[in-house]
Amino acid sequence: MPAECTHLNHIKLTHTDNHVCEDCIKTGDTWVHLRLCLECGHVGCCDSSKNKHATRHYQATKHPLVRSIEPGESWVWCYADDLMVGELRGH
């Protein structure tokens, strides 16, 4: 039986108009891709970025779900369950 995410009830929002990593901007760094925390709306850079702010946000807050906010991408990742949850359609 495939693993299933048990954290979907943590989704409070699915969209943002913020398309920068504020943490990188504060330090003058750049990022590769952006991830949106589906619990609080924090936008952080991905693990391919030097600072990995999205993962650091999860480690600090334990907010488990992020989605890609890259153009054309809508996948959702659960840090707590370490698995791809699926996609958010229409957002």
N, C-alpha and C. Protein backbone atom coordinates (compact mmCIF):
# COMPACT_ATOMS: atom_id res chain seq x y z
N MET A 1 0.85 -1.19 0.00
CA MET A 1 0.00 0.00 0.00
C MET A 1 0.89 1.25 0.00
N PRO A 2 0.65 2.19 -0.90
CA PRO A 2 1.47 3.40 -0.94
C PRO A 2 1.25 4.27 0.30
N ALA A 3 2.30 4.97 0.68
CA ALA A 3 2.19 5.88 1.82
C ALA A 3 1.26 7.03 1.46
N GLU A 4 0.54 7.52 2.45
CA GLU A 4 -0.35 8.65 2.25
C GLU A 4 -0.02 9.75 3.23
N CYS A 5 -0.19 10.97 2.79
CA CYS A 5 0.04 12.12 3.65
C CYS A 5 -1.11 12.25 4.65
N THR A 6 -0.75 12.47 5.89
CA THR A 6 -1.76 12.63 6.95
C THR A 6 -1.89 14.09 7.38
N HIS A 7 -1.37 15.02 6.54
CA HIS A 7 -1.33 16.42 6.95
C HIS A 7 -2.16 17.35 6.07
N LEU A 8 -3.03 16.80 5.23
CA LEU A 8 -3.80 17.65 4.32
C LEU A 8 -4.70 18.64 5.06
N ASN A 9 -5.04 18.33 6.29
CA ASN A 9 -5.87 19.24 7.09
C ASN A 9 -5.09 20.50 7.50
N HIS A 10 -3.80 20.56 7.23
CA HIS A 10 -2.98 21.74 7.54
C HIS A 10 -3.07 22.80 6.45
N ILE A 11 -3.68 22.48 5.30
CA ILE A 11 -3.76 23.45 4.20
C ILE A 11 -4.73 24.56 4.56
N LYS A 12 -4.19 25.78 4.62
CA LYS A 12 -5.02 26.94 4.94
C LYS A 12 -5.08 27.91 3.76
N LEU A 13 -4.10 27.82 2.84
CA LEU A 13 -4.10 28.66 1.65
C LEU A 13 -3.35 27.92 0.55
N THR A 14 -3.62 28.31 -0.68
CA THR A 14 -3.03 27.59 -1.81
C THR A 14 -2.39 28.52 -2.84
N HIS A 15 -2.43 29.83 -2.61
CA HIS A 15 -1.97 30.80 -3.61
C HIS A 15 -1.30 31.98 -2.91
N THR A 16 -0.36 32.57 -3.60
CA THR A 16 0.26 33.82 -3.12
C THR A 16 0.59 34.72 -4.29
N ASP A 17 0.62 36.00 -4.04
CA ASP A 17 1.08 36.95 -5.04
C ASP A 17 2.56 37.30 -4.81
N ASN A 18 3.13 36.75 -3.73
CA ASN A 18 4.53 36.98 -3.39
C ASN A 18 5.40 35.98 -4.16
N HIS A 19 6.27 36.46 -5.01
CA HIS A 19 7.11 35.57 -5.81
C HIS A 19 8.59 35.89 -5.63
N VAL A 20 8.96 36.12 -4.37
CA VAL A 20 10.36 36.30 -3.99
C VAL A 20 10.60 35.58 -2.67
N CYS A 21 11.85 35.19 -2.45
CA CYS A 21 12.23 34.65 -1.15
C CYS A 21 12.68 35.82 -0.29
N GLU A 22 11.81 36.24 0.62
CA GLU A 22 12.10 37.40 1.47
C GLU A 22 13.37 37.18 2.29
N ASP A 23 13.60 35.93 2.73
CA ASP A 23 14.79 35.65 3.53
C ASP A 23 16.06 35.85 2.71
N CYS A 24 16.04 35.46 1.44
CA CYS A 24 17.20 35.70 0.56
C CYS A 24 17.39 37.19 0.30
N ILE A 25 16.30 37.90 0.09
CA ILE A 25 16.38 39.34 -0.18
C ILE A 25 17.03 40.05 1.00
N LYS A 26 16.68 39.66 2.23
CA LYS A 26 17.24 40.29 3.43
C LYS A 26 18.75 40.15 3.50
N THR A 27 19.28 39.05 2.96
CA THR A 27 20.72 38.81 3.03
C THR A 27 21.43 39.11 1.71
N GLY A 28 20.67 39.56 0.71
CA GLY A 28 21.27 39.89 -0.58
C GLY A 28 21.59 38.67 -1.44
N ASP A 29 20.99 37.52 -1.11
CA ASP A 29 21.23 36.30 -1.87
C ASP A 29 20.17 36.12 -2.95
N THR A 30 20.39 35.11 -3.79
CA THR A 30 19.45 34.77 -4.85
C THR A 30 18.94 33.35 -4.60
N TRP A 31 17.94 32.94 -5.38
CA TRP A 31 17.34 31.62 -5.22
C TRP A 31 17.17 30.98 -6.58
N VAL A 32 16.88 29.67 -6.56
CA VAL A 32 16.65 28.92 -7.79
C VAL A 32 15.16 28.78 -8.06
N HIS A 33 14.41 28.19 -7.11
CA HIS A 33 12.96 28.01 -7.23
C HIS A 33 12.30 28.39 -5.91
N LEU A 34 11.00 28.66 -5.96
CA LEU A 34 10.27 29.10 -4.77
C LEU A 34 9.22 28.08 -4.36
N ARG A 35 9.02 27.98 -3.05
CA ARG A 35 8.03 27.09 -2.46
C ARG A 35 7.14 27.90 -1.51
N LEU A 36 5.85 27.58 -1.50
CA LEU A 36 4.86 28.26 -0.67
C LEU A 36 4.43 27.34 0.46
N CYS A 37 4.55 27.79 1.70
CA CYS A 37 4.02 27.04 2.84
C CYS A 37 2.50 27.13 2.79
N LEU A 38 1.84 25.98 2.76
CA LEU A 38 0.38 25.97 2.63
C LEU A 38 -0.33 26.21 3.96
N GLU A 39 0.44 26.34 5.03
CA GLU A 39 -0.17 26.62 6.33
C GLU A 39 -0.15 28.11 6.67
N CYS A 40 0.98 28.79 6.42
CA CYS A 40 1.07 30.20 6.82
C CYS A 40 1.37 31.16 5.68
N GLY A 41 1.73 30.65 4.50
CA GLY A 41 1.98 31.52 3.37
C GLY A 41 3.43 31.96 3.20
N HIS A 42 4.33 31.48 4.03
CA HIS A 42 5.75 31.82 3.89
C HIS A 42 6.25 31.33 2.53
N VAL A 43 6.96 32.19 1.81
CA VAL A 43 7.58 31.80 0.55
C VAL A 43 9.08 31.67 0.81
N GLY A 44 9.60 30.49 0.50
CA GLY A 44 11.02 30.24 0.71
C GLY A 44 11.63 29.58 -0.50
N CYS A 45 12.96 29.64 -0.56
CA CYS A 45 13.67 29.04 -1.68
C CYS A 45 13.82 27.53 -1.49
N CYS A 46 13.97 26.84 -2.61
CA CYS A 46 14.02 25.38 -2.64
C CYS A 46 15.37 24.83 -2.18
N ASP A 47 15.47 23.51 -2.10
CA ASP A 47 16.70 22.88 -1.66
C ASP A 47 17.81 22.95 -2.70
N SER A 48 17.50 23.34 -3.95
CA SER A 48 18.55 23.57 -4.94
C SER A 48 19.19 24.95 -4.74
N SER A 49 18.55 25.79 -3.94
CA SER A 49 19.08 27.11 -3.62
C SER A 49 20.06 27.00 -2.46
N LYS A 50 20.99 27.92 -2.40
CA LYS A 50 22.05 27.88 -1.39
C LYS A 50 21.49 27.85 0.04
N ASN A 51 20.46 28.64 0.30
CA ASN A 51 19.98 28.80 1.68
C ASN A 51 18.87 27.85 2.12
N LYS A 52 18.19 27.22 1.16
CA LYS A 52 17.14 26.24 1.49
C LYS A 52 16.13 26.78 2.51
N HIS A 53 15.64 27.99 2.27
CA HIS A 53 14.75 28.62 3.24
C HIS A 53 13.41 27.91 3.42
N ALA A 54 12.90 27.24 2.40
CA ALA A 54 11.63 26.51 2.58
C ALA A 54 11.82 25.37 3.57
N THR A 55 12.89 24.62 3.43
CA THR A 55 13.17 23.52 4.37
C THR A 55 13.47 24.07 5.76
N ARG A 56 14.22 25.16 5.82
CA ARG A 56 14.51 25.76 7.13
C ARG A 56 13.23 26.24 7.81
N HIS A 57 12.29 26.76 7.01
CA HIS A 57 10.99 27.17 7.57
C HIS A 57 10.27 25.96 8.16
N TYR A 58 10.25 24.85 7.45
CA TYR A 58 9.63 23.63 7.99
C TYR A 58 10.31 23.21 9.29
N GLN A 59 11.63 23.21 9.32
CA GLN A 59 12.36 22.79 10.52
C GLN A 59 12.05 23.68 11.71
N ALA A 60 11.83 24.96 11.47
CA ALA A 60 11.54 25.91 12.54
C ALA A 60 10.09 25.88 13.00
N THR A 61 9.16 25.62 12.06
CA THR A 61 7.73 25.74 12.38
C THR A 61 6.99 24.41 12.42
N LYS A 62 7.54 23.40 11.75
CA LYS A 62 6.88 22.10 11.56
C LYS A 62 5.63 22.21 10.70
N HIS A 63 5.51 23.27 9.90
CA HIS A 63 4.43 23.35 8.90
C HIS A 63 4.79 22.37 7.80
N PRO A 64 4.01 21.30 7.61
CA PRO A 64 4.47 20.18 6.80
C PRO A 64 4.36 20.32 5.28
N LEU A 65 3.45 21.13 4.77
CA LEU A 65 3.16 21.11 3.34
C LEU A 65 3.62 22.37 2.61
N VAL A 66 4.29 22.16 1.48
CA VAL A 66 4.66 23.26 0.59
C VAL A 66 4.22 22.90 -0.82
N ARG A 67 4.04 23.92 -1.63
CA ARG A 67 3.78 23.69 -3.04
C ARG A 67 4.76 24.53 -3.84
N SER A 68 5.04 24.06 -5.04
CA SER A 68 5.85 24.85 -5.95
C SER A 68 5.00 26.01 -6.45
N ILE A 69 5.62 27.18 -6.50
CA ILE A 69 4.92 28.31 -7.12
C ILE A 69 5.67 28.75 -8.37
N GLU A 70 6.41 27.82 -8.95
CA GLU A 70 7.05 28.06 -10.23
C GLU A 70 5.99 28.02 -11.34
N PRO A 71 6.15 28.82 -12.39
CA PRO A 71 5.18 28.81 -13.49
C PRO A 71 4.97 27.40 -14.05
N GLY A 72 3.71 27.01 -14.16
CA GLY A 72 3.38 25.71 -14.72
C GLY A 72 3.48 24.54 -13.76
N GLU A 73 3.87 24.80 -12.51
CA GLU A 73 3.98 23.72 -11.52
C GLU A 73 2.95 23.91 -10.42
N SER A 74 2.37 22.80 -9.96
CA SER A 74 1.38 22.89 -8.88
C SER A 74 1.52 21.75 -7.88
N TRP A 75 2.67 21.06 -7.90
CA TRP A 75 2.85 19.90 -7.02
C TRP A 75 2.99 20.32 -5.56
N VAL A 76 2.63 19.39 -4.68
CA VAL A 76 2.68 19.61 -3.24
C VAL A 76 3.60 18.56 -2.62
N TRP A 77 4.46 19.00 -1.70
CA TRP A 77 5.39 18.12 -0.99
C TRP A 77 5.09 18.17 0.50
N CYS A 78 5.10 17.01 1.15
CA CYS A 78 4.95 16.94 2.60
C CYS A 78 6.31 16.62 3.21
N TYR A 79 6.86 17.57 3.96
CA TYR A 79 8.14 17.35 4.63
C TYR A 79 8.01 16.27 5.70
N ALA A 80 6.93 16.31 6.46
CA ALA A 80 6.76 15.38 7.58
C ALA A 80 6.70 13.93 7.12
N ASP A 81 5.99 13.68 6.03
CA ASP A 81 5.85 12.31 5.51
C ASP A 81 6.90 11.99 4.44
N ASP A 82 7.68 13.00 4.03
CA ASP A 82 8.73 12.85 3.03
C ASP A 82 8.19 12.25 1.74
N LEU A 83 7.11 12.88 1.24
CA LEU A 83 6.53 12.37 0.00
C LEU A 83 5.78 13.43 -0.79
N MET A 84 5.69 13.19 -2.09
CA MET A 84 4.94 14.04 -2.99
C MET A 84 3.46 13.72 -2.77
N VAL A 85 2.69 14.75 -2.45
CA VAL A 85 1.28 14.56 -2.11
C VAL A 85 0.40 14.52 -3.35
N GLY A 86 0.72 15.32 -4.34
CA GLY A 86 -0.08 15.44 -5.54
C GLY A 86 0.02 16.84 -6.07
N GLU A 87 -1.03 17.30 -6.74
CA GLU A 87 -1.03 18.64 -7.31
C GLU A 87 -2.28 19.41 -6.91
N LEU A 88 -2.15 20.72 -6.84
CA LEU A 88 -3.29 21.61 -6.60
C LEU A 88 -3.72 22.16 -7.94
N ARG A 89 -4.86 21.79 -8.38
CA ARG A 89 -5.37 22.21 -9.69
C ARG A 89 -6.07 23.56 -9.58
N GLY A 90 -5.94 24.34 -10.62
CA GLY A 90 -6.68 25.59 -10.71
C GLY A 90 -6.16 26.71 -9.84
N HIS A 91 -4.90 26.63 -9.42
CA HIS A 91 -4.34 27.69 -8.56
C HIS A 91 -3.09 28.24 -9.16
